[in-house]
Amino acid sequence: MTIQTKKADAVIGMEVTGLDLSKPLSTDERAEINRLLAEHAVLCFPGQQLDPPQFMAAIGNFGPLMPQQHDKFTLPDYPMVGFNSTRDLPRKNGKLQVRGENYHTDHSNFPVPPKATALHALEIPSYGGDTQFVDVRRAFDDLDEAAKAECNKRFSVHVHQSSRSPRSFIALNEEQLAKIPRTRQPLVIRHPDSGRPAVYLNTGRMEGVEGMPDDEGYALIEKLYEHAIQPRYEYRHKWRVGDVVIWDNRSVMHQANADYDPEEFRYLIRLMVEGVALEPAFH
């Protein structure tokens, strides 16, 4: 294999070079990049030049692709491919309102959430627009025994938008909402490949904690969230044109930033990889 790796950060993340993702990978190369993803949670393949079919083939090395949730943000000729574009974002007081602000994991309300999400940067502003990741495996490891006991074996129902969500999701009518899943997810999950436990959080979608009064349940979620987003667990990716970044939704939370010039164009295409149903870390 020609794969070379370099740690992207002291916490998480790996930069992977020596591969041209526009070309088919060998069995050994596919196995290695999947191993790296399970271990390091965020992979960056710099300097790639992929059209949508090539991007689909490249990310298909991590597993079957998962459809996007909203047709509004997909490419007309390639509905499996989503996009993040400055031109489609609303503004409030001159500031861009980006999708994905506030740390979260993608589509946690689905019965089978995505294994991974990938972005390919085609146009990037001159500054800002970074994506931040936090390692929710290490966050769980560092909890004290009392906190671990408090969240072990507990569940939360994940919905389209929590009644206490810190951010707004795309507005849906009643017919659309009826089709959106509501799923009971563990508060602590076990990674299906590595076996590592991790807190599983998405404050925009979680409706309290089962078996706890509402205020106590939301307080527990907030306590875990504030613990997990500490800088010591963070990797901040500064985008370059050509970057392909893929992250494991079972190992990290991520958030977008709108701290760039709204007059500059930022355009990335997006894919998701099918996952498996989540299981609690402890039975």
Protein backbone atom coordinates (compact mmCIF):
# COMPACT_ATOMS: atom_id res chain seq x y z
CA MET A 1 0.00 0.00 0.00
CA THR A 2 1.07 3.59 -0.61
CA ILE A 3 -0.93 5.09 2.27
CA GLN A 4 0.86 7.61 4.47
CA THR A 5 -0.66 9.06 7.63
CA LYS A 6 -0.05 12.05 9.86
CA LYS A 7 -1.98 12.92 12.98
CA ALA A 8 -4.20 15.91 12.33
CA ASP A 9 -4.31 16.83 16.00
CA ALA A 10 -3.10 15.60 19.36
CA VAL A 11 -6.67 14.59 20.24
CA ILE A 12 -8.31 13.01 17.20
CA GLY A 13 -8.07 13.04 13.44
CA MET A 14 -5.68 11.67 10.84
CA GLU A 15 -4.51 13.11 7.52
CA VAL A 16 -4.23 10.38 4.89
CA THR A 17 -2.12 10.83 1.77
CA GLY A 18 -0.85 8.54 -0.97
CA LEU A 19 -4.31 7.73 -2.32
CA ASP A 20 -6.07 9.13 -5.37
CA LEU A 21 -9.73 8.72 -4.43
CA SER A 22 -10.80 9.18 -8.05
CA LYS A 23 -9.44 5.67 -8.70
CA PRO A 24 -10.57 2.29 -7.33
CA LEU A 25 -8.89 1.17 -4.11
CA SER A 26 -7.53 -2.28 -3.42
CA THR A 27 -9.07 -4.56 -0.82
CA ASP A 28 -6.17 -3.84 1.53
CA GLU A 29 -6.50 -0.06 1.06
CA ARG A 30 -10.23 -0.18 1.80
CA ALA A 31 -9.61 -2.23 4.93
CA GLU A 32 -6.91 0.18 6.10
CA ILE A 33 -8.94 3.38 5.71
CA ASN A 34 -11.88 1.78 7.52
CA ARG A 35 -9.54 0.72 10.33
CA LEU A 36 -8.16 4.27 10.51
CA LEU A 37 -11.67 5.74 10.68
CA ALA A 38 -12.70 3.43 13.53
CA GLU A 39 -9.56 4.34 15.47
CA HIS A 40 -9.09 8.04 14.73
CA ALA A 41 -12.75 9.07 14.10
CA VAL A 42 -11.95 11.87 11.59
CA LEU A 43 -9.96 11.35 8.38
CA CYS A 44 -8.84 14.04 5.92
CA PHE A 45 -7.74 13.16 2.38
CA PRO A 46 -6.22 16.42 1.04
CA GLY A 47 -5.74 17.47 -2.57
CA GLN A 48 -8.56 15.44 -4.13
CA GLN A 49 -10.43 16.51 -7.28
CA LEU A 50 -13.65 14.52 -7.43
CA ASP A 51 -16.81 15.00 -9.46
CA PRO A 52 -20.04 13.70 -7.83
CA PRO A 53 -19.81 10.14 -9.25
CA GLN A 54 -16.16 9.89 -8.18
CA PHE A 55 -17.05 11.22 -4.72
CA MET A 56 -19.78 8.59 -4.42
CA ALA A 57 -17.39 5.83 -5.45
CA ALA A 58 -14.71 7.06 -3.03
CA ILE A 59 -17.01 7.22 0.00
CA GLY A 60 -18.55 3.91 -1.04
CA ASN A 61 -15.27 2.37 0.14
CA PHE A 62 -16.58 2.92 3.68
CA GLY A 63 -19.90 1.18 3.06
CA PRO A 64 -23.22 1.57 1.24
CA LEU A 65 -24.35 5.16 0.79
CA MET A 66 -27.36 6.52 2.68
CA PRO A 67 -29.91 8.87 1.07
CA GLN A 68 -30.00 12.52 2.11
CA GLN A 69 -32.91 13.52 4.31
CA HIS A 70 -34.06 16.60 2.36
CA ASP A 71 -34.31 16.84 -1.43
CA LYS A 72 -33.95 20.61 -1.13
CA PHE A 73 -30.23 20.22 -0.45
CA THR A 74 -29.34 17.55 -3.03
CA LEU A 75 -27.83 17.73 -6.50
CA PRO A 76 -30.53 17.39 -9.20
CA ASP A 77 -28.59 14.81 -11.21
CA TYR A 78 -27.24 12.96 -8.16
CA PRO A 79 -29.88 12.81 -5.41
CA MET A 80 -27.62 10.81 -3.08
CA VAL A 81 -25.25 13.79 -2.97
CA GLY A 82 -26.09 16.72 -0.73
CA PHE A 83 -24.48 20.13 -0.70
CA ASN A 84 -23.63 22.94 1.69
CA SER A 85 -23.72 26.27 -0.12
CA THR A 86 -23.44 29.87 1.07
CA ARG A 87 -26.01 30.93 -1.52
CA ASP A 88 -28.73 28.84 0.09
CA LEU A 89 -28.27 30.15 3.63
CA PRO A 90 -30.52 32.71 5.32
CA ARG A 91 -29.06 35.69 7.13
CA LYS A 92 -29.97 37.34 10.41
CA ASN A 93 -28.59 40.80 11.11
CA GLY A 94 -26.14 40.22 8.27
CA LYS A 95 -24.81 36.97 9.78
CA LEU A 96 -25.15 33.67 7.97
CA GLN A 97 -27.41 31.09 9.60
CA VAL A 98 -25.59 27.86 8.76
CA ARG A 99 -27.02 24.37 9.00
CA GLY A 100 -25.19 22.34 11.61
CA GLU A 101 -24.36 24.98 14.22
CA ASN A 102 -24.23 23.50 17.75
CA TYR A 103 -22.46 20.20 18.34
CA HIS A 104 -24.46 17.19 17.19
CA THR A 105 -24.32 13.78 15.52
CA ASP A 106 -26.15 13.37 12.23
CA HIS A 107 -29.70 12.00 12.04
CA SER A 108 -29.71 10.53 15.55
CA ASN A 109 -33.50 10.19 15.35
CA PHE A 110 -33.19 7.54 12.62
CA PRO A 111 -33.55 3.90 13.76
CA VAL A 112 -30.24 3.28 11.97
CA PRO A 113 -28.21 6.52 12.01
CA PRO A 114 -25.36 6.99 9.52
CA LYS A 115 -22.04 5.35 10.25
CA ALA A 116 -20.23 8.31 8.77
CA THR A 117 -20.65 11.64 7.01
CA ALA A 118 -18.25 12.98 4.38
CA LEU A 119 -17.68 16.41 2.85
CA HIS A 120 -15.63 17.39 -0.20
CA ALA A 121 -14.56 21.05 -0.33
CA LEU A 122 -14.93 22.59 -3.81
CA GLU A 123 -14.90 26.31 -2.92
CA ILE A 124 -13.75 27.78 0.38
CA PRO A 125 -13.82 31.40 1.69
CA SER A 126 -10.58 33.20 2.48
CA TYR A 127 -11.11 32.73 6.23
CA GLY A 128 -13.43 30.95 8.65
CA GLY A 129 -15.99 28.24 8.03
CA ASP A 130 -14.07 25.59 9.99
CA THR A 131 -15.74 22.38 11.16
CA GLN A 132 -15.17 21.38 14.78
CA PHE A 133 -15.21 17.83 16.13
CA VAL A 134 -15.18 16.53 19.72
CA ASP A 135 -14.31 12.99 20.77
CA VAL A 136 -17.28 11.60 22.71
CA ARG A 137 -15.36 8.38 23.45
CA ARG A 138 -12.72 10.20 25.47
CA ALA A 139 -15.45 12.33 27.01
CA PHE A 140 -17.08 9.17 28.37
CA ASP A 141 -13.74 7.73 29.52
CA ASP A 142 -13.07 10.86 31.58
CA LEU A 143 -16.39 10.88 33.44
CA ASP A 144 -16.13 10.01 37.11
CA GLU A 145 -17.68 6.76 38.26
CA ALA A 146 -20.77 8.48 39.66
CA ALA A 147 -21.45 10.23 36.34
CA LYS A 148 -20.92 7.01 34.41
CA ALA A 149 -23.38 5.23 36.69
CA GLU A 150 -25.88 8.06 36.22
CA CYS A 151 -25.98 7.73 32.43
CA ASN A 152 -25.27 4.01 31.93
CA LYS A 153 -28.30 1.97 30.82
CA ARG A 154 -30.39 5.11 30.23
CA PHE A 155 -32.17 6.03 27.00
CA SER A 156 -33.50 9.16 25.31
CA VAL A 157 -36.07 9.52 22.54
CA HIS A 158 -34.62 11.39 19.55
CA VAL A 159 -37.11 13.34 17.40
CA HIS A 160 -36.97 15.75 14.44
CA GLN A 161 -36.61 18.75 16.77
CA SER A 162 -36.57 18.64 20.54
CA SER A 163 -38.96 20.88 22.45
CA ARG A 164 -35.83 22.36 24.08
CA SER A 165 -33.61 22.40 21.00
CA PRO A 166 -30.89 25.10 21.03
CA ARG A 167 -31.13 25.42 17.23
CA SER A 168 -33.84 25.42 14.58
CA PHE A 169 -34.20 22.67 12.01
CA ILE A 170 -35.80 22.92 8.58
CA ALA A 171 -39.52 23.61 9.00
CA LEU A 172 -41.79 20.68 8.13
CA ASN A 173 -45.56 20.46 7.76
CA GLU A 174 -47.62 17.89 9.69
CA GLU A 175 -47.58 15.39 6.83
CA GLN A 176 -43.80 15.59 6.55
CA LEU A 177 -43.34 15.39 10.32
CA ALA A 178 -45.43 12.23 10.44
CA LYS A 179 -42.85 10.53 8.22
CA ILE A 180 -39.85 11.59 10.32
CA PRO A 181 -38.65 8.86 12.69
CA ARG A 182 -38.66 9.04 16.48
CA THR A 183 -36.13 6.61 17.92
CA ARG A 184 -35.14 5.51 21.39
CA GLN A 185 -31.34 5.67 21.60
CA PRO A 186 -28.92 4.74 24.41
CA LEU A 187 -27.24 7.58 26.28
CA VAL A 188 -24.01 5.56 26.16
CA ILE A 189 -23.34 3.47 23.05
CA ARG A 190 -20.76 0.85 22.17
CA HIS A 191 -18.95 1.36 18.88
CA PRO A 192 -19.83 -1.60 16.63
CA ASP A 193 -16.26 -1.92 15.30
CA SER A 194 -13.89 -0.79 18.05
CA GLY A 195 -16.10 -1.71 21.00
CA ARG A 196 -15.34 1.61 22.71
CA PRO A 197 -18.13 3.24 24.76
CA ALA A 198 -19.16 6.83 23.97
CA VAL A 199 -21.79 9.29 25.10
CA TYR A 200 -24.41 9.69 22.37
CA LEU A 201 -25.75 13.23 22.31
CA ASN A 202 -27.74 15.49 20.03
CA THR A 203 -29.31 18.26 22.12
CA GLY A 204 -31.37 19.44 19.15
CA ARG A 205 -33.22 16.11 18.98
CA MET A 206 -33.27 14.62 22.50
CA GLU A 207 -36.55 14.69 24.43
CA GLY A 208 -35.31 14.26 27.96
CA VAL A 209 -34.15 10.99 29.52
CA GLU A 210 -36.40 8.01 30.10
CA GLY A 211 -37.17 7.32 33.75
CA MET A 212 -36.22 10.84 34.90
CA PRO A 213 -38.40 13.92 35.49
CA ASP A 214 -38.11 16.33 32.55
CA ASP A 215 -35.96 18.92 34.32
CA GLU A 216 -33.58 16.30 35.69
CA GLY A 217 -33.32 14.55 32.33
CA TYR A 218 -32.53 17.73 30.42
CA ALA A 219 -30.09 18.76 33.14
CA LEU A 220 -28.24 15.44 32.71
CA ILE A 221 -28.11 15.93 28.92
CA GLU A 222 -26.76 19.45 29.36
CA LYS A 223 -24.16 18.31 31.89
CA LEU A 224 -22.91 15.59 29.54
CA TYR A 225 -22.93 18.00 26.60
CA GLU A 226 -20.93 20.68 28.40
CA HIS A 227 -18.44 18.05 29.51
CA ALA A 228 -18.08 16.60 25.98
CA ILE A 229 -17.45 19.92 24.18
CA GLN A 230 -14.43 20.91 26.26
CA PRO A 231 -11.46 22.06 24.14
CA ARG A 232 -9.38 19.10 25.32
CA TYR A 233 -11.60 16.81 23.22
CA GLU A 234 -11.67 19.01 20.11
CA TYR A 235 -10.16 18.90 16.64
CA ARG A 236 -10.90 21.94 14.46
CA HIS A 237 -10.59 21.34 10.74
CA LYS A 238 -9.54 24.30 8.62
CA TRP A 239 -10.81 23.58 5.12
CA ARG A 240 -8.71 23.68 1.96
CA VAL A 241 -10.05 23.26 -1.56
CA GLY A 242 -9.77 19.56 -2.42
CA ASP A 243 -10.13 18.24 1.14
CA VAL A 244 -12.28 15.15 1.58
CA VAL A 245 -13.14 14.77 5.26
CA ILE A 246 -15.07 11.82 6.66
CA TRP A 247 -16.05 11.37 10.30
CA ASP A 248 -17.53 8.60 12.40
CA ASN A 249 -20.88 9.70 13.84
CA ARG A 250 -20.59 7.11 16.64
CA SER A 251 -17.28 8.55 17.87
CA VAL A 252 -17.55 12.33 17.49
CA MET A 253 -19.98 15.22 17.52
CA HIS A 254 -19.38 18.04 15.05
CA GLN A 255 -20.50 21.58 14.40
CA ALA A 256 -20.31 24.12 11.58
CA ASN A 257 -19.22 27.75 11.86
CA ALA A 258 -20.64 30.82 10.14
CA ASP A 259 -17.66 33.06 10.92
CA TYR A 260 -16.79 33.84 7.31
CA ASP A 261 -17.62 36.67 4.92
CA PRO A 262 -21.19 36.06 3.69
CA GLU A 263 -20.23 37.62 0.37
CA GLU A 264 -17.65 34.89 -0.22
CA PHE A 265 -18.70 31.55 -1.64
CA ARG A 266 -18.37 28.32 0.36
CA TYR A 267 -19.44 25.11 -1.38
CA LEU A 268 -19.01 21.52 -0.24
CA ILE A 269 -20.73 18.33 -1.36
CA ARG A 270 -21.92 15.78 1.18
CA LEU A 271 -22.48 12.04 1.48
CA MET A 272 -23.51 9.70 4.29
CA VAL A 273 -22.63 6.04 4.85
CA GLU A 274 -25.16 3.54 6.16
CA GLY A 275 -24.67 2.42 9.75
CA VAL A 276 -26.13 -0.21 12.05
CA ALA A 277 -28.64 0.09 14.88
CA LEU A 278 -26.99 1.45 18.02
CA GLU A 279 -26.58 -0.69 21.09
CA PRO A 280 -26.00 0.36 24.71
CA ALA A 281 -22.46 0.00 25.96
CA PHE A 282 -23.58 -1.77 29.12
CA HIS A 283 -26.38 -4.29 29.55
